[in-house]
Amino acid sequence: MKDNQDPITGTIVETENYIAWKADEPDGETTYHLELNNVTVHFFQEEWEELLQLASLLVKASK
């Protein structure tokens, strides 16, 4: 029998219009996804970490 090659996915956070979720890929890589209405943006781990830094700076700058 062939091993399952589907990623294991899970929701990180969700609002009425947006969702952030991740996928643990069979090759060991974790990818992150932001669904913003009809646009989905995909990130590798390093890109996701940089996005989180940016979001943190945005929150601080808006205070």
N, C-alpha and C. Protein backbone atom coordinates (compact mmCIF):
# COMPACT_ATOMS: atom_id res chain seq x y z
N MET A 1 0.84 -1.17 0.00
CA MET A 1 0.00 0.00 0.00
C MET A 1 0.89 1.24 0.00
N LYS A 2 0.51 2.25 -0.76
CA LYS A 2 1.26 3.48 -0.90
C LYS A 2 1.07 4.38 0.32
N ASP A 3 2.19 5.01 0.78
CA ASP A 3 2.09 5.95 1.89
C ASP A 3 1.28 7.17 1.48
N ASN A 4 0.56 7.75 2.44
CA ASN A 4 -0.23 8.94 2.18
C ASN A 4 0.71 10.13 2.01
N GLN A 5 0.64 10.81 0.89
CA GLN A 5 1.50 11.95 0.59
C GLN A 5 0.76 13.28 0.73
N ASP A 6 -0.43 13.28 1.33
CA ASP A 6 -1.17 14.51 1.52
C ASP A 6 -0.61 15.28 2.71
N PRO A 7 -0.56 16.62 2.60
CA PRO A 7 -0.10 17.40 3.75
C PRO A 7 -1.11 17.35 4.89
N ILE A 8 -0.62 17.55 6.09
CA ILE A 8 -1.50 17.66 7.26
C ILE A 8 -1.74 19.14 7.47
N THR A 9 -2.99 19.57 7.38
CA THR A 9 -3.31 20.99 7.46
C THR A 9 -4.06 21.32 8.75
N GLY A 10 -3.96 22.59 9.12
CA GLY A 10 -4.67 23.05 10.31
C GLY A 10 -4.83 24.55 10.30
N THR A 11 -5.94 25.01 10.83
CA THR A 11 -6.20 26.45 10.92
C THR A 11 -5.40 27.04 12.07
N ILE A 12 -4.76 28.18 11.83
CA ILE A 12 -4.04 28.91 12.86
C ILE A 12 -5.00 29.90 13.52
N VAL A 13 -5.58 30.79 12.72
CA VAL A 13 -6.60 31.74 13.19
C VAL A 13 -7.57 32.01 12.05
N GLU A 14 -8.77 32.46 12.43
CA GLU A 14 -9.80 32.71 11.42
C GLU A 14 -10.70 33.84 11.90
N THR A 15 -11.06 34.73 10.97
CA THR A 15 -12.07 35.75 11.23
C THR A 15 -13.20 35.51 10.24
N GLU A 16 -14.14 36.43 10.22
CA GLU A 16 -15.27 36.28 9.30
C GLU A 16 -14.83 36.25 7.84
N ASN A 17 -13.80 37.03 7.49
CA ASN A 17 -13.38 37.15 6.09
C ASN A 17 -12.01 36.58 5.77
N TYR A 18 -11.20 36.29 6.80
CA TYR A 18 -9.82 35.88 6.56
C TYR A 18 -9.50 34.60 7.33
N ILE A 19 -8.50 33.88 6.81
CA ILE A 19 -8.05 32.68 7.51
C ILE A 19 -6.54 32.52 7.30
N ALA A 20 -5.86 32.11 8.35
CA ALA A 20 -4.45 31.74 8.25
C ALA A 20 -4.37 30.26 8.62
N TRP A 21 -3.70 29.48 7.78
CA TRP A 21 -3.58 28.05 8.04
C TRP A 21 -2.20 27.58 7.62
N LYS A 22 -1.83 26.40 8.13
CA LYS A 22 -0.53 25.85 7.78
C LYS A 22 -0.68 24.43 7.28
N ALA A 23 0.33 24.00 6.55
CA ALA A 23 0.36 22.64 6.01
C ALA A 23 1.73 22.04 6.31
N ASP A 24 1.73 20.91 6.99
CA ASP A 24 2.96 20.14 7.19
C ASP A 24 3.07 19.19 6.01
N GLU A 25 4.00 19.51 5.13
CA GLU A 25 4.15 18.77 3.88
C GLU A 25 4.85 17.43 4.12
N PRO A 26 4.62 16.46 3.24
CA PRO A 26 5.26 15.14 3.39
C PRO A 26 6.78 15.19 3.36
N ASP A 27 7.36 16.22 2.72
CA ASP A 27 8.82 16.33 2.65
C ASP A 27 9.44 16.97 3.89
N GLY A 28 8.59 17.29 4.90
CA GLY A 28 9.08 17.87 6.14
C GLY A 28 8.98 19.38 6.20
N GLU A 29 8.72 20.02 5.08
CA GLU A 29 8.57 21.48 5.02
C GLU A 29 7.20 21.87 5.57
N THR A 30 7.15 22.99 6.28
CA THR A 30 5.87 23.56 6.71
C THR A 30 5.62 24.80 5.89
N THR A 31 4.45 24.90 5.30
CA THR A 31 4.07 26.09 4.55
C THR A 31 2.91 26.76 5.26
N TYR A 32 2.83 28.08 5.07
CA TYR A 32 1.78 28.89 5.71
C TYR A 32 1.00 29.58 4.61
N HIS A 33 -0.28 29.79 4.89
CA HIS A 33 -1.18 30.32 3.86
C HIS A 33 -2.11 31.35 4.49
N LEU A 34 -2.26 32.49 3.82
CA LEU A 34 -3.22 33.50 4.22
C LEU A 34 -4.28 33.59 3.13
N GLU A 35 -5.52 33.36 3.49
CA GLU A 35 -6.62 33.53 2.55
C GLU A 35 -7.30 34.84 2.90
N LEU A 36 -7.20 35.79 1.99
CA LEU A 36 -7.75 37.13 2.17
C LEU A 36 -8.81 37.35 1.09
N ASN A 37 -10.04 37.05 1.44
CA ASN A 37 -11.15 37.04 0.48
C ASN A 37 -10.81 36.10 -0.66
N ASN A 38 -10.63 36.61 -1.89
CA ASN A 38 -10.38 35.70 -3.02
C ASN A 38 -8.90 35.58 -3.37
N VAL A 39 -8.01 36.04 -2.49
CA VAL A 39 -6.56 35.96 -2.72
C VAL A 39 -5.95 35.06 -1.65
N THR A 40 -5.11 34.13 -2.07
CA THR A 40 -4.36 33.30 -1.13
C THR A 40 -2.88 33.55 -1.35
N VAL A 41 -2.17 33.84 -0.25
CA VAL A 41 -0.73 34.08 -0.29
C VAL A 41 -0.05 32.92 0.44
N HIS A 42 0.97 32.34 -0.19
CA HIS A 42 1.66 31.18 0.35
C HIS A 42 3.06 31.58 0.82
N PHE A 43 3.48 31.04 1.96
CA PHE A 43 4.77 31.37 2.55
C PHE A 43 5.50 30.11 2.98
N PHE A 44 6.83 30.11 2.80
CA PHE A 44 7.68 29.13 3.43
C PHE A 44 7.98 29.62 4.84
N GLN A 45 8.57 28.80 5.69
CA GLN A 45 8.81 29.12 7.10
C GLN A 45 9.51 30.46 7.29
N GLU A 46 10.61 30.69 6.58
CA GLU A 46 11.39 31.92 6.74
C GLU A 46 10.57 33.14 6.34
N GLU A 47 9.80 33.03 5.28
CA GLU A 47 8.96 34.13 4.83
C GLU A 47 7.85 34.42 5.84
N TRP A 48 7.28 33.37 6.43
CA TRP A 48 6.23 33.51 7.43
C TRP A 48 6.76 34.25 8.65
N GLU A 49 7.95 33.88 9.10
CA GLU A 49 8.55 34.53 10.26
C GLU A 49 8.78 36.01 9.99
N GLU A 50 9.21 36.35 8.78
CA GLU A 50 9.41 37.76 8.43
C GLU A 50 8.08 38.50 8.38
N LEU A 51 7.05 37.86 7.87
CA LEU A 51 5.72 38.47 7.84
C LEU A 51 5.22 38.75 9.25
N LEU A 52 5.45 37.82 10.18
CA LEU A 52 5.04 38.03 11.57
C LEU A 52 5.80 39.20 12.19
N GLN A 53 7.07 39.35 11.86
CA GLN A 53 7.84 40.50 12.34
C GLN A 53 7.24 41.79 11.80
N LEU A 54 6.90 41.80 10.52
CA LEU A 54 6.29 42.97 9.90
C LEU A 54 4.97 43.31 10.57
N ALA A 55 4.14 42.32 10.81
CA ALA A 55 2.85 42.54 11.46
C ALA A 55 3.04 43.12 12.85
N SER A 56 4.02 42.63 13.59
CA SER A 56 4.30 43.14 14.92
C SER A 56 4.71 44.60 14.86
N LEU A 57 5.57 44.95 13.91
CA LEU A 57 6.00 46.34 13.74
C LEU A 57 4.83 47.23 13.33
N LEU A 58 3.93 46.73 12.52
CA LEU A 58 2.75 47.49 12.13
C LEU A 58 1.87 47.81 13.33
N VAL A 59 1.69 46.83 14.20
CA VAL A 59 0.88 47.04 15.40
C VAL A 59 1.53 48.11 16.27
N LYS A 60 2.83 48.02 16.48
CA LYS A 60 3.54 49.01 17.30
C LYS A 60 3.47 50.40 16.67
N ALA A 61 3.62 50.48 15.35
CA ALA A 61 3.62 51.78 14.67
C ALA A 61 2.24 52.43 14.65
N SER A 62 1.20 51.64 14.78
CA SER A 62 -0.15 52.20 14.72
C SER A 62 -0.66 52.69 16.07
N LYS A 63 0.14 52.51 17.13
CA LYS A 63 -0.27 52.96 18.46
C LYS A 63 0.10 54.39 18.71
